[in-house]
Amino acid sequence: MTDFYPMVLAALSKLERNTAETRQALYQRARTTLAERLRGLNPPLSAQKIMEERLAFEEAVRKAEADWTRGLVAHELLSQLADTIEQDGSFTQAARESAKASAQLSGTLEQGRSGAAFEYTHGAFVFATLGTEADAVAATNPLVRSIRSELEYKARELAGRILRTSDAGRWRPLTDAVRMLASRLGGSDVEVAADIATLWAIHVALEAYLDSQEATSAAEEKFEEQIFVPLEADVLRLLRDLVAGTGPWLRMFESCRAFDEEARASGPPPSESIEAAAGFLGATAQAALLGGIEAAAVRALLDGGSAALGERAGNWSIIAAGNLAIAMLKALAGIVSSYEQADAAQPSDVAARIERLVLQHEAGLLQVFSHLPGEAREVLREVIDAIRASAADDV
């Protein structure tokens, strides 16, 4: 972020008549000039960056006005600053470098169509709509409708049974995911087709939850002291039945068959990539950057720990983490906001949370993106470096 304070002082030192009126007129002219300059850069700056620069200018005006009126700044110092600033082109260069990184990001990093694509809306990242025309046709098939109705009933039955367990709060991630599944299955044919990627994601999460329960339960049998708390037997049976029925039903849709084939083609994912993806997904949910459905799916997926994720869930988590990171970086580069908007603070807060997540999980994201071409990984590094430089300026 640019330090406008010395620039404002330099401008004040050149006023022939320095009065409250002339200073305010100067500030207003500077605001107009700055806004035009920021919006006229090529490559362009993001709306968020423009907002941050203009807020920094207003803070500099506030400080310079207070110092001037209290007589804390000598005219000789202002003159020296004026001479220095006129020769300083660092702001323009920094702005151009930031815009260049954003432009490269938009053209190089693209999300994969894997059942886990994300989009930014209303301050949160949600699953993107990936349904095809073929999915819309499949949704109207009488058999598909019949099975869907049965699955919805089973999901609602399971959710109700979990709530009646002795420690229902312990199973909150599972309950939320099952409820989301029931809600989406209960939609219209059009809604189901549009939400097919979301349904697939919830199914993968429930499958991973079931696998972690059964794997951990088998492992705990080797120990006398019971540390693992399993689901009650009838609840586990209902979950197993729901997962077993949902998978084949989803594969009646073209998109889900493609998701499944892509996961199988990827082969067993590296454990370090699964761990990195799980860490990033979990941190994003913790930072309240995911929508309700997305957070429920992620929490259910990770409830058993990254070590329990099988091949399909592991591949899904890696692809999901990569797509989410790309969506975040693009949102960071172009969050829709303006200086005049009353809710400008909200996007700024979202941007700050994204920056913290990206910097905290830099090594993990590079691991998640290890399968991408070298050019894409290099752009990712450049964008992260730009975020780090921006964060350092804010300190």
Protein backbone atom coordinates (compact mmCIF):
# COMPACT_ATOMS: atom_id res chain seq x y z
CA MET A 1 0.00 0.00 0.00
CA THR A 2 1.35 3.44 -0.95
CA ASP A 3 2.49 5.94 1.71
CA PHE A 4 0.75 9.12 0.55
CA TYR A 5 1.69 11.18 3.61
CA PRO A 6 4.92 12.71 2.19
CA MET A 7 3.17 13.38 -1.12
CA VAL A 8 0.38 15.29 0.61
CA LEU A 9 2.91 17.30 2.61
CA ALA A 10 4.84 18.09 -0.56
CA ALA A 11 1.68 19.38 -2.21
CA LEU A 12 0.84 21.53 0.81
CA SER A 13 4.28 23.13 0.71
CA LYS A 14 3.61 24.49 -2.79
CA LEU A 15 0.35 26.26 -2.00
CA GLU A 16 0.68 30.03 -2.49
CA ARG A 17 -2.17 30.71 -0.06
CA ASN A 18 -2.38 28.02 2.58
CA THR A 19 -5.81 28.27 4.15
CA ALA A 20 -8.39 25.72 5.18
CA GLU A 21 -10.30 26.39 1.94
CA THR A 22 -7.27 26.02 -0.35
CA ARG A 23 -6.17 22.85 1.41
CA GLN A 24 -9.60 21.24 1.06
CA ALA A 25 -9.69 22.22 -2.61
CA LEU A 26 -6.25 20.66 -3.03
CA TYR A 27 -7.37 17.41 -1.38
CA GLN A 28 -10.43 17.20 -3.61
CA ARG A 29 -8.39 17.72 -6.78
CA ALA A 30 -5.97 15.07 -5.58
CA ARG A 31 -8.82 12.62 -4.94
CA THR A 32 -10.11 13.06 -8.47
CA THR A 33 -6.65 12.75 -10.00
CA LEU A 34 -5.80 9.67 -7.94
CA ALA A 35 -9.05 7.91 -8.86
CA GLU A 36 -8.48 8.55 -12.57
CA ARG A 37 -4.86 7.47 -12.34
CA LEU A 38 -5.65 4.22 -10.51
CA ARG A 39 -8.45 3.26 -12.92
CA GLY A 40 -6.36 4.18 -15.95
CA LEU A 41 -3.43 1.85 -15.27
CA ASN A 42 -2.78 -0.84 -17.84
CA PRO A 43 -2.87 -3.68 -16.85
CA PRO A 44 -5.72 -2.54 -14.59
CA LEU A 45 -5.73 -2.76 -10.81
CA SER A 46 -8.43 -4.74 -9.01
CA ALA A 47 -11.33 -2.86 -7.43
CA GLN A 48 -10.08 -3.98 -4.02
CA LYS A 49 -6.58 -2.54 -4.62
CA ILE A 50 -8.07 0.75 -5.83
CA MET A 51 -10.17 0.94 -2.69
CA GLU A 52 -7.16 0.26 -0.46
CA GLU A 53 -5.08 2.97 -2.16
CA ARG A 54 -7.85 5.52 -1.83
CA LEU A 55 -8.34 4.70 1.84
CA ALA A 56 -4.59 5.10 2.35
CA PHE A 57 -4.80 8.52 0.70
CA GLU A 58 -7.60 9.62 3.03
CA GLU A 59 -5.59 8.54 6.05
CA ALA A 60 -2.61 10.53 4.76
CA VAL A 61 -4.82 13.59 4.31
CA ARG A 62 -6.14 13.26 7.85
CA LYS A 63 -2.63 13.00 9.31
CA ALA A 64 -1.13 15.77 7.15
CA GLU A 65 -4.01 18.15 7.91
CA ALA A 66 -3.62 17.53 11.66
CA ASP A 67 0.15 18.04 11.54
CA TRP A 68 -0.10 21.17 9.40
CA THR A 69 -2.70 22.87 11.55
CA ARG A 70 -0.72 22.11 14.71
CA GLY A 71 2.42 23.57 13.12
CA LEU A 72 4.43 20.37 13.56
CA VAL A 73 5.90 20.37 10.06
CA ALA A 74 8.44 22.92 8.93
CA HIS A 75 8.13 24.54 5.50
CA GLU A 76 11.74 23.70 4.68
CA LEU A 77 11.10 20.00 5.25
CA LEU A 78 8.04 20.13 3.03
CA SER A 79 10.06 21.69 0.23
CA GLN A 80 12.67 18.94 0.49
CA LEU A 81 9.98 16.29 0.41
CA ALA A 82 8.41 17.91 -2.63
CA ASP A 83 11.66 17.69 -4.56
CA THR A 84 12.10 14.04 -3.59
CA ILE A 85 8.55 12.95 -4.42
CA GLU A 86 8.59 14.53 -7.86
CA GLN A 87 11.42 12.16 -8.81
CA ASP A 88 9.88 9.07 -7.21
CA GLY A 89 8.08 6.71 -9.59
CA SER A 90 7.91 3.72 -7.23
CA PHE A 91 4.13 3.85 -6.79
CA THR A 92 3.41 3.50 -10.50
CA GLN A 93 5.86 0.62 -10.84
CA ALA A 94 4.45 -1.23 -7.81
CA ALA A 95 0.91 -0.80 -9.07
CA ARG A 96 1.84 -2.09 -12.51
CA GLU A 97 3.57 -5.15 -11.05
CA SER A 98 0.52 -5.99 -8.94
CA ALA A 99 -1.81 -5.58 -11.92
CA LYS A 100 0.48 -7.68 -14.09
CA ALA A 101 0.37 -10.56 -11.59
CA SER A 102 -3.44 -10.38 -11.49
CA ALA A 103 -3.67 -10.42 -15.29
CA GLN A 104 -1.39 -13.46 -15.47
CA LEU A 105 -3.47 -15.22 -12.86
CA SER A 106 -6.70 -14.79 -14.82
CA GLY A 107 -5.16 -16.15 -18.00
CA THR A 108 -3.15 -19.07 -16.62
CA LEU A 109 -4.90 -20.69 -13.66
CA GLU A 110 -8.23 -22.30 -14.54
CA GLN A 111 -10.37 -24.53 -12.36
CA GLY A 112 -10.83 -28.14 -13.35
CA ARG A 113 -14.29 -29.64 -13.96
CA SER A 114 -14.15 -32.31 -11.33
CA GLY A 115 -17.25 -31.89 -9.20
CA ALA A 116 -15.53 -29.39 -6.96
CA ALA A 117 -15.40 -26.11 -8.84
CA PHE A 118 -16.05 -22.95 -6.80
CA GLU A 119 -17.39 -19.46 -7.37
CA TYR A 120 -17.43 -16.36 -5.19
CA THR A 121 -20.77 -14.85 -4.23
CA HIS A 122 -22.05 -12.72 -1.36
CA GLY A 123 -18.83 -12.94 0.64
CA ALA A 124 -18.47 -16.74 0.46
CA PHE A 125 -17.19 -19.44 -1.88
CA VAL A 126 -19.79 -21.95 -3.06
CA PHE A 127 -19.88 -24.93 -5.40
CA ALA A 128 -20.25 -23.83 -9.00
CA THR A 129 -23.09 -25.13 -11.17
CA LEU A 130 -21.65 -27.80 -13.48
CA GLY A 131 -24.75 -29.67 -14.67
CA THR A 132 -25.12 -30.36 -18.39
CA GLU A 133 -28.12 -30.70 -20.70
CA ALA A 134 -27.72 -34.46 -20.46
CA ASP A 135 -27.96 -34.18 -16.66
CA ALA A 136 -31.19 -32.20 -17.03
CA VAL A 137 -32.65 -34.95 -19.22
CA ALA A 138 -31.52 -37.66 -16.79
CA ALA A 139 -33.21 -35.87 -13.88
CA THR A 140 -36.61 -36.30 -15.57
CA ASN A 141 -36.20 -40.06 -15.99
CA PRO A 142 -38.94 -41.82 -13.96
CA LEU A 143 -36.45 -44.32 -12.49
CA VAL A 144 -34.07 -41.50 -11.48
CA ARG A 145 -36.97 -39.68 -9.82
CA SER A 146 -38.11 -42.80 -7.99
CA ILE A 147 -34.66 -43.59 -6.62
CA ARG A 148 -34.14 -39.95 -5.70
CA SER A 149 -37.32 -39.95 -3.65
CA GLU A 150 -36.19 -43.08 -1.82
CA LEU A 151 -32.75 -41.60 -1.12
CA GLU A 152 -34.29 -38.40 0.21
CA TYR A 153 -36.39 -40.45 2.64
CA LYS A 154 -33.32 -42.41 3.77
CA ALA A 155 -31.32 -39.20 4.29
CA ARG A 156 -34.06 -37.63 6.41
CA GLU A 157 -34.44 -40.85 8.40
CA LEU A 158 -30.69 -40.92 9.07
CA ALA A 159 -30.58 -37.26 10.12
CA GLY A 160 -33.44 -37.82 12.55
CA ARG A 161 -31.81 -40.93 13.99
CA ILE A 162 -28.48 -39.14 14.56
CA LEU A 163 -30.28 -36.42 16.50
CA ARG A 164 -31.67 -39.09 18.83
CA THR A 165 -28.24 -40.48 19.74
CA SER A 166 -26.95 -40.01 23.28
CA ASP A 167 -24.29 -37.50 22.15
CA ALA A 168 -25.84 -35.86 19.08
CA GLY A 169 -23.52 -32.84 19.23
CA ARG A 170 -20.53 -35.07 18.57
CA TRP A 171 -21.93 -35.98 15.16
CA ARG A 172 -22.74 -32.41 14.04
CA PRO A 173 -20.60 -32.53 10.83
CA LEU A 174 -22.34 -35.75 9.78
CA THR A 175 -25.80 -34.40 10.62
CA ASP A 176 -25.24 -31.20 8.64
CA ALA A 177 -24.01 -33.09 5.58
CA VAL A 178 -26.91 -35.55 5.65
CA ARG A 179 -29.43 -32.73 6.00
CA MET A 180 -27.86 -30.89 3.07
CA LEU A 181 -28.08 -34.05 0.98
CA ALA A 182 -31.77 -34.51 1.86
CA SER A 183 -32.51 -30.87 1.03
CA ARG A 184 -30.84 -31.04 -2.38
CA LEU A 185 -32.45 -34.36 -3.24
CA GLY A 186 -35.83 -32.81 -2.46
CA GLY A 187 -35.44 -30.10 -5.11
CA SER A 188 -37.09 -29.98 -8.53
CA ASP A 189 -35.69 -31.85 -11.53
CA VAL A 190 -34.06 -28.65 -12.78
CA GLU A 191 -32.54 -27.90 -9.38
CA VAL A 192 -31.19 -31.43 -8.99
CA ALA A 193 -29.51 -31.29 -12.40
CA ALA A 194 -27.97 -27.91 -11.63
CA ASP A 195 -26.77 -29.10 -8.20
CA ILE A 196 -25.34 -32.41 -9.39
CA ALA A 197 -21.75 -31.39 -8.52
CA THR A 198 -22.88 -30.38 -5.04
CA LEU A 199 -24.65 -33.72 -4.59
CA TRP A 200 -21.50 -35.49 -5.73
CA ALA A 201 -19.39 -33.54 -3.25
CA ILE A 202 -21.69 -34.38 -0.34
CA HIS A 203 -21.69 -38.04 -1.38
CA VAL A 204 -17.88 -38.11 -1.42
CA ALA A 205 -17.82 -36.49 2.02
CA LEU A 206 -20.26 -39.03 3.47
CA GLU A 207 -18.34 -41.88 1.87
CA ALA A 208 -15.14 -40.59 3.48
CA TYR A 209 -16.91 -40.24 6.82
CA LEU A 210 -18.13 -43.84 6.59
CA ASP A 211 -14.66 -45.10 5.60
CA SER A 212 -13.04 -43.30 8.53
CA GLN A 213 -15.59 -44.80 10.95
CA GLU A 214 -15.04 -48.34 9.73
CA ALA A 215 -11.25 -48.03 9.40
CA THR A 216 -10.81 -46.50 12.84
CA SER A 217 -13.19 -48.98 14.43
CA ALA A 218 -11.18 -51.91 13.03
CA ALA A 219 -7.93 -50.38 14.27
CA GLU A 220 -9.27 -49.75 17.77
CA GLU A 221 -10.14 -53.41 18.18
CA LYS A 222 -6.42 -54.05 18.64
CA PHE A 223 -6.36 -52.02 21.85
CA GLU A 224 -7.88 -52.83 25.20
CA GLU A 225 -8.63 -49.20 26.01
CA GLN A 226 -11.34 -47.83 23.73
CA ILE A 227 -10.36 -44.33 22.55
CA PHE A 228 -12.43 -44.18 19.39
CA VAL A 229 -16.15 -43.43 19.86
CA PRO A 230 -18.08 -45.18 17.05
CA LEU A 231 -21.48 -44.40 15.66
CA GLU A 232 -24.25 -46.49 17.10
CA ALA A 233 -24.71 -49.68 15.11
CA ASP A 234 -28.07 -48.80 13.57
CA VAL A 235 -26.86 -45.30 12.64
CA LEU A 236 -23.78 -46.77 10.96
CA ARG A 237 -26.02 -49.21 9.08
CA LEU A 238 -28.27 -46.37 7.86
CA LEU A 239 -25.24 -44.35 6.75
CA ARG A 240 -23.77 -47.32 4.93
CA ASP A 241 -27.10 -47.94 3.18
CA LEU A 242 -27.43 -44.28 2.14
CA VAL A 243 -23.89 -44.09 0.75
CA ALA A 244 -24.27 -47.40 -1.08
CA GLY A 245 -27.47 -46.20 -2.76
CA THR A 246 -26.38 -42.65 -3.57
CA GLY A 247 -23.28 -43.62 -5.53
CA PRO A 248 -24.98 -45.67 -8.29
CA TRP A 249 -27.81 -43.13 -8.53
CA LEU A 250 -25.36 -40.27 -9.08
CA ARG A 251 -23.61 -42.23 -11.81
CA MET A 252 -26.87 -42.17 -13.76
CA PHE A 253 -25.90 -38.54 -14.54
CA GLU A 254 -23.34 -37.75 -17.23
CA SER A 255 -21.36 -35.29 -15.09
CA CYS A 256 -21.00 -37.72 -12.20
CA ARG A 257 -19.73 -40.46 -14.48
CA ALA A 258 -17.13 -38.00 -15.71
CA PHE A 259 -16.20 -37.03 -12.13
CA ASP A 260 -15.78 -40.68 -11.23
CA GLU A 261 -13.68 -41.46 -14.31
CA GLU A 262 -11.42 -38.46 -13.66
CA ALA A 263 -10.85 -39.56 -10.07
CA ARG A 264 -9.97 -43.10 -11.14
CA ALA A 265 -7.67 -41.88 -13.90
CA SER A 266 -5.73 -39.79 -11.39
CA GLY A 267 -4.69 -42.89 -9.48
CA PRO A 268 -3.73 -42.98 -5.80
CA PRO A 269 -2.88 -39.44 -4.69
CA PRO A 270 0.34 -38.68 -2.75
CA SER A 271 -0.30 -38.57 1.00
CA GLU A 272 1.49 -35.23 1.33
CA SER A 273 -0.86 -33.69 -1.25
CA ILE A 274 -3.91 -35.05 0.59
CA GLU A 275 -2.61 -33.61 3.85
CA ALA A 276 -1.94 -30.21 2.27
CA ALA A 277 -5.37 -30.14 0.60
CA ALA A 278 -7.13 -31.18 3.81
CA GLY A 279 -5.31 -28.49 5.76
CA PHE A 280 -6.30 -25.77 3.33
CA LEU A 281 -9.93 -26.88 3.06
CA GLY A 282 -10.27 -27.12 6.83
CA ALA A 283 -8.70 -23.70 7.38
CA THR A 284 -11.02 -22.15 4.79
CA ALA A 285 -14.06 -23.56 6.57
CA GLN A 286 -12.67 -22.33 9.89
CA ALA A 287 -12.21 -18.84 8.42
CA ALA A 288 -15.93 -18.74 7.50
CA LEU A 289 -15.17 -18.29 3.81
CA LEU A 290 -17.32 -21.21 2.63
CA GLY A 291 -21.07 -21.34 2.11
CA GLY A 292 -23.20 -23.51 4.40
CA ILE A 293 -23.35 -26.55 2.12
CA GLU A 294 -19.68 -26.33 1.28
CA ALA A 295 -18.61 -26.02 4.92
CA ALA A 296 -20.81 -28.99 5.88
CA ALA A 297 -19.28 -31.15 3.13
CA VAL A 298 -15.72 -30.19 4.09
CA ARG A 299 -16.26 -30.80 7.81
CA ALA A 300 -17.83 -34.20 7.15
CA LEU A 301 -15.02 -35.09 4.74
CA LEU A 302 -12.29 -34.20 7.22
CA ASP A 303 -13.92 -35.36 10.45
CA GLY A 304 -12.01 -38.62 10.35
CA GLY A 305 -8.70 -36.91 9.57
CA SER A 306 -6.75 -36.63 6.31
CA ALA A 307 -5.04 -39.98 6.94
CA ALA A 308 -8.41 -41.74 6.62
CA LEU A 309 -9.23 -40.37 3.17
CA GLY A 310 -9.37 -43.05 0.52
CA GLU A 311 -8.40 -42.74 -3.14
CA ARG A 312 -11.60 -41.08 -4.37
CA ALA A 313 -11.95 -38.74 -1.39
CA GLY A 314 -8.24 -37.96 -1.48
CA ASN A 315 -8.32 -37.03 -5.17
CA TRP A 316 -11.49 -35.00 -4.63
CA SER A 317 -9.92 -33.06 -1.76
CA ILE A 318 -6.84 -32.20 -3.83
CA ILE A 319 -8.88 -31.03 -6.80
CA ALA A 320 -11.30 -29.16 -4.55
CA ALA A 321 -8.48 -27.41 -2.68
CA GLY A 322 -6.81 -26.40 -5.95
CA ASN A 323 -10.04 -25.09 -7.46
CA LEU A 324 -10.90 -23.23 -4.25
CA ALA A 325 -7.47 -21.61 -4.15
CA ILE A 326 -7.83 -20.47 -7.76
CA ALA A 327 -11.29 -19.06 -7.05
CA MET A 328 -9.92 -17.24 -4.01
CA LEU A 329 -6.99 -15.72 -5.84
CA LYS A 330 -9.19 -14.52 -8.68
CA ALA A 331 -11.71 -13.08 -6.22
CA LEU A 332 -8.87 -11.33 -4.42
CA ALA A 333 -7.75 -9.80 -7.71
CA GLY A 334 -11.21 -8.56 -8.63
CA ILE A 335 -13.51 -8.26 -5.60
CA VAL A 336 -16.38 -6.01 -6.61
CA SER A 337 -16.30 -2.99 -4.40
CA SER A 338 -15.81 0.77 -4.56
CA TYR A 339 -14.61 3.45 -2.26
CA GLU A 340 -18.00 5.11 -2.00
CA GLN A 341 -20.02 1.99 -1.14
CA ALA A 342 -21.30 1.76 2.40
CA ASP A 343 -20.40 -1.94 2.64
CA ALA A 344 -16.85 -1.51 1.37
CA ALA A 345 -15.47 -2.88 4.65
CA GLN A 346 -16.93 -6.33 4.06
CA PRO A 347 -15.01 -7.17 0.86
CA SER A 348 -11.87 -5.73 2.46
CA ASP A 349 -12.32 -8.14 5.39
CA VAL A 350 -12.83 -11.05 3.00
CA ALA A 351 -9.70 -10.05 1.09
CA ALA A 352 -7.69 -9.92 4.32
CA ARG A 353 -8.84 -13.41 5.30
CA ILE A 354 -7.95 -14.76 1.86
CA GLU A 355 -4.49 -13.20 2.06
CA ARG A 356 -3.85 -14.73 5.49
CA LEU A 357 -4.97 -18.17 4.32
CA VAL A 358 -2.85 -18.10 1.17
CA LEU A 359 0.28 -16.99 3.02
CA GLN A 360 -0.23 -19.47 5.87
CA HIS A 361 -0.72 -22.36 3.44
CA GLU A 362 1.78 -21.32 0.77
CA ALA A 363 3.82 -24.53 0.95
CA GLY A 364 0.67 -26.65 0.98
CA LEU A 365 -0.81 -24.89 -2.03
CA LEU A 366 2.37 -25.41 -4.02
CA GLN A 367 2.09 -29.09 -3.14
CA VAL A 368 -1.58 -29.18 -4.19
CA PHE A 369 -0.64 -27.55 -7.51
CA SER A 370 2.34 -29.86 -8.08
CA HIS A 371 0.48 -31.68 -10.88
CA LEU A 372 0.00 -28.48 -12.91
CA PRO A 373 2.34 -27.33 -15.71
CA GLY A 374 5.42 -25.36 -14.66
CA GLU A 375 4.02 -22.11 -16.08
CA ALA A 376 0.94 -22.29 -13.86
CA ARG A 377 3.02 -23.03 -10.75
CA GLU A 378 5.29 -20.10 -11.54
CA VAL A 379 2.31 -17.75 -11.84
CA LEU A 380 1.03 -19.04 -8.52
CA ARG A 381 4.37 -18.23 -6.90
CA GLU A 382 4.33 -14.73 -8.39
CA VAL A 383 0.82 -14.08 -7.11
CA ILE A 384 1.72 -15.31 -3.62
CA ASP A 385 4.83 -13.11 -3.66
CA ALA A 386 2.64 -10.13 -4.61
CA ILE A 387 0.26 -10.92 -1.74
CA ARG A 388 3.20 -11.18 0.66
CA ALA A 389 4.55 -7.80 -0.50
CA SER A 390 1.10 -6.23 -0.10
CA ALA A 391 0.75 -7.68 3.39
CA ALA A 392 4.18 -6.33 4.33
CA ASP A 393 3.14 -2.85 3.16
CA ASP A 394 0.08 -3.04 5.40
CA VAL A 395 2.13 -3.64 8.53
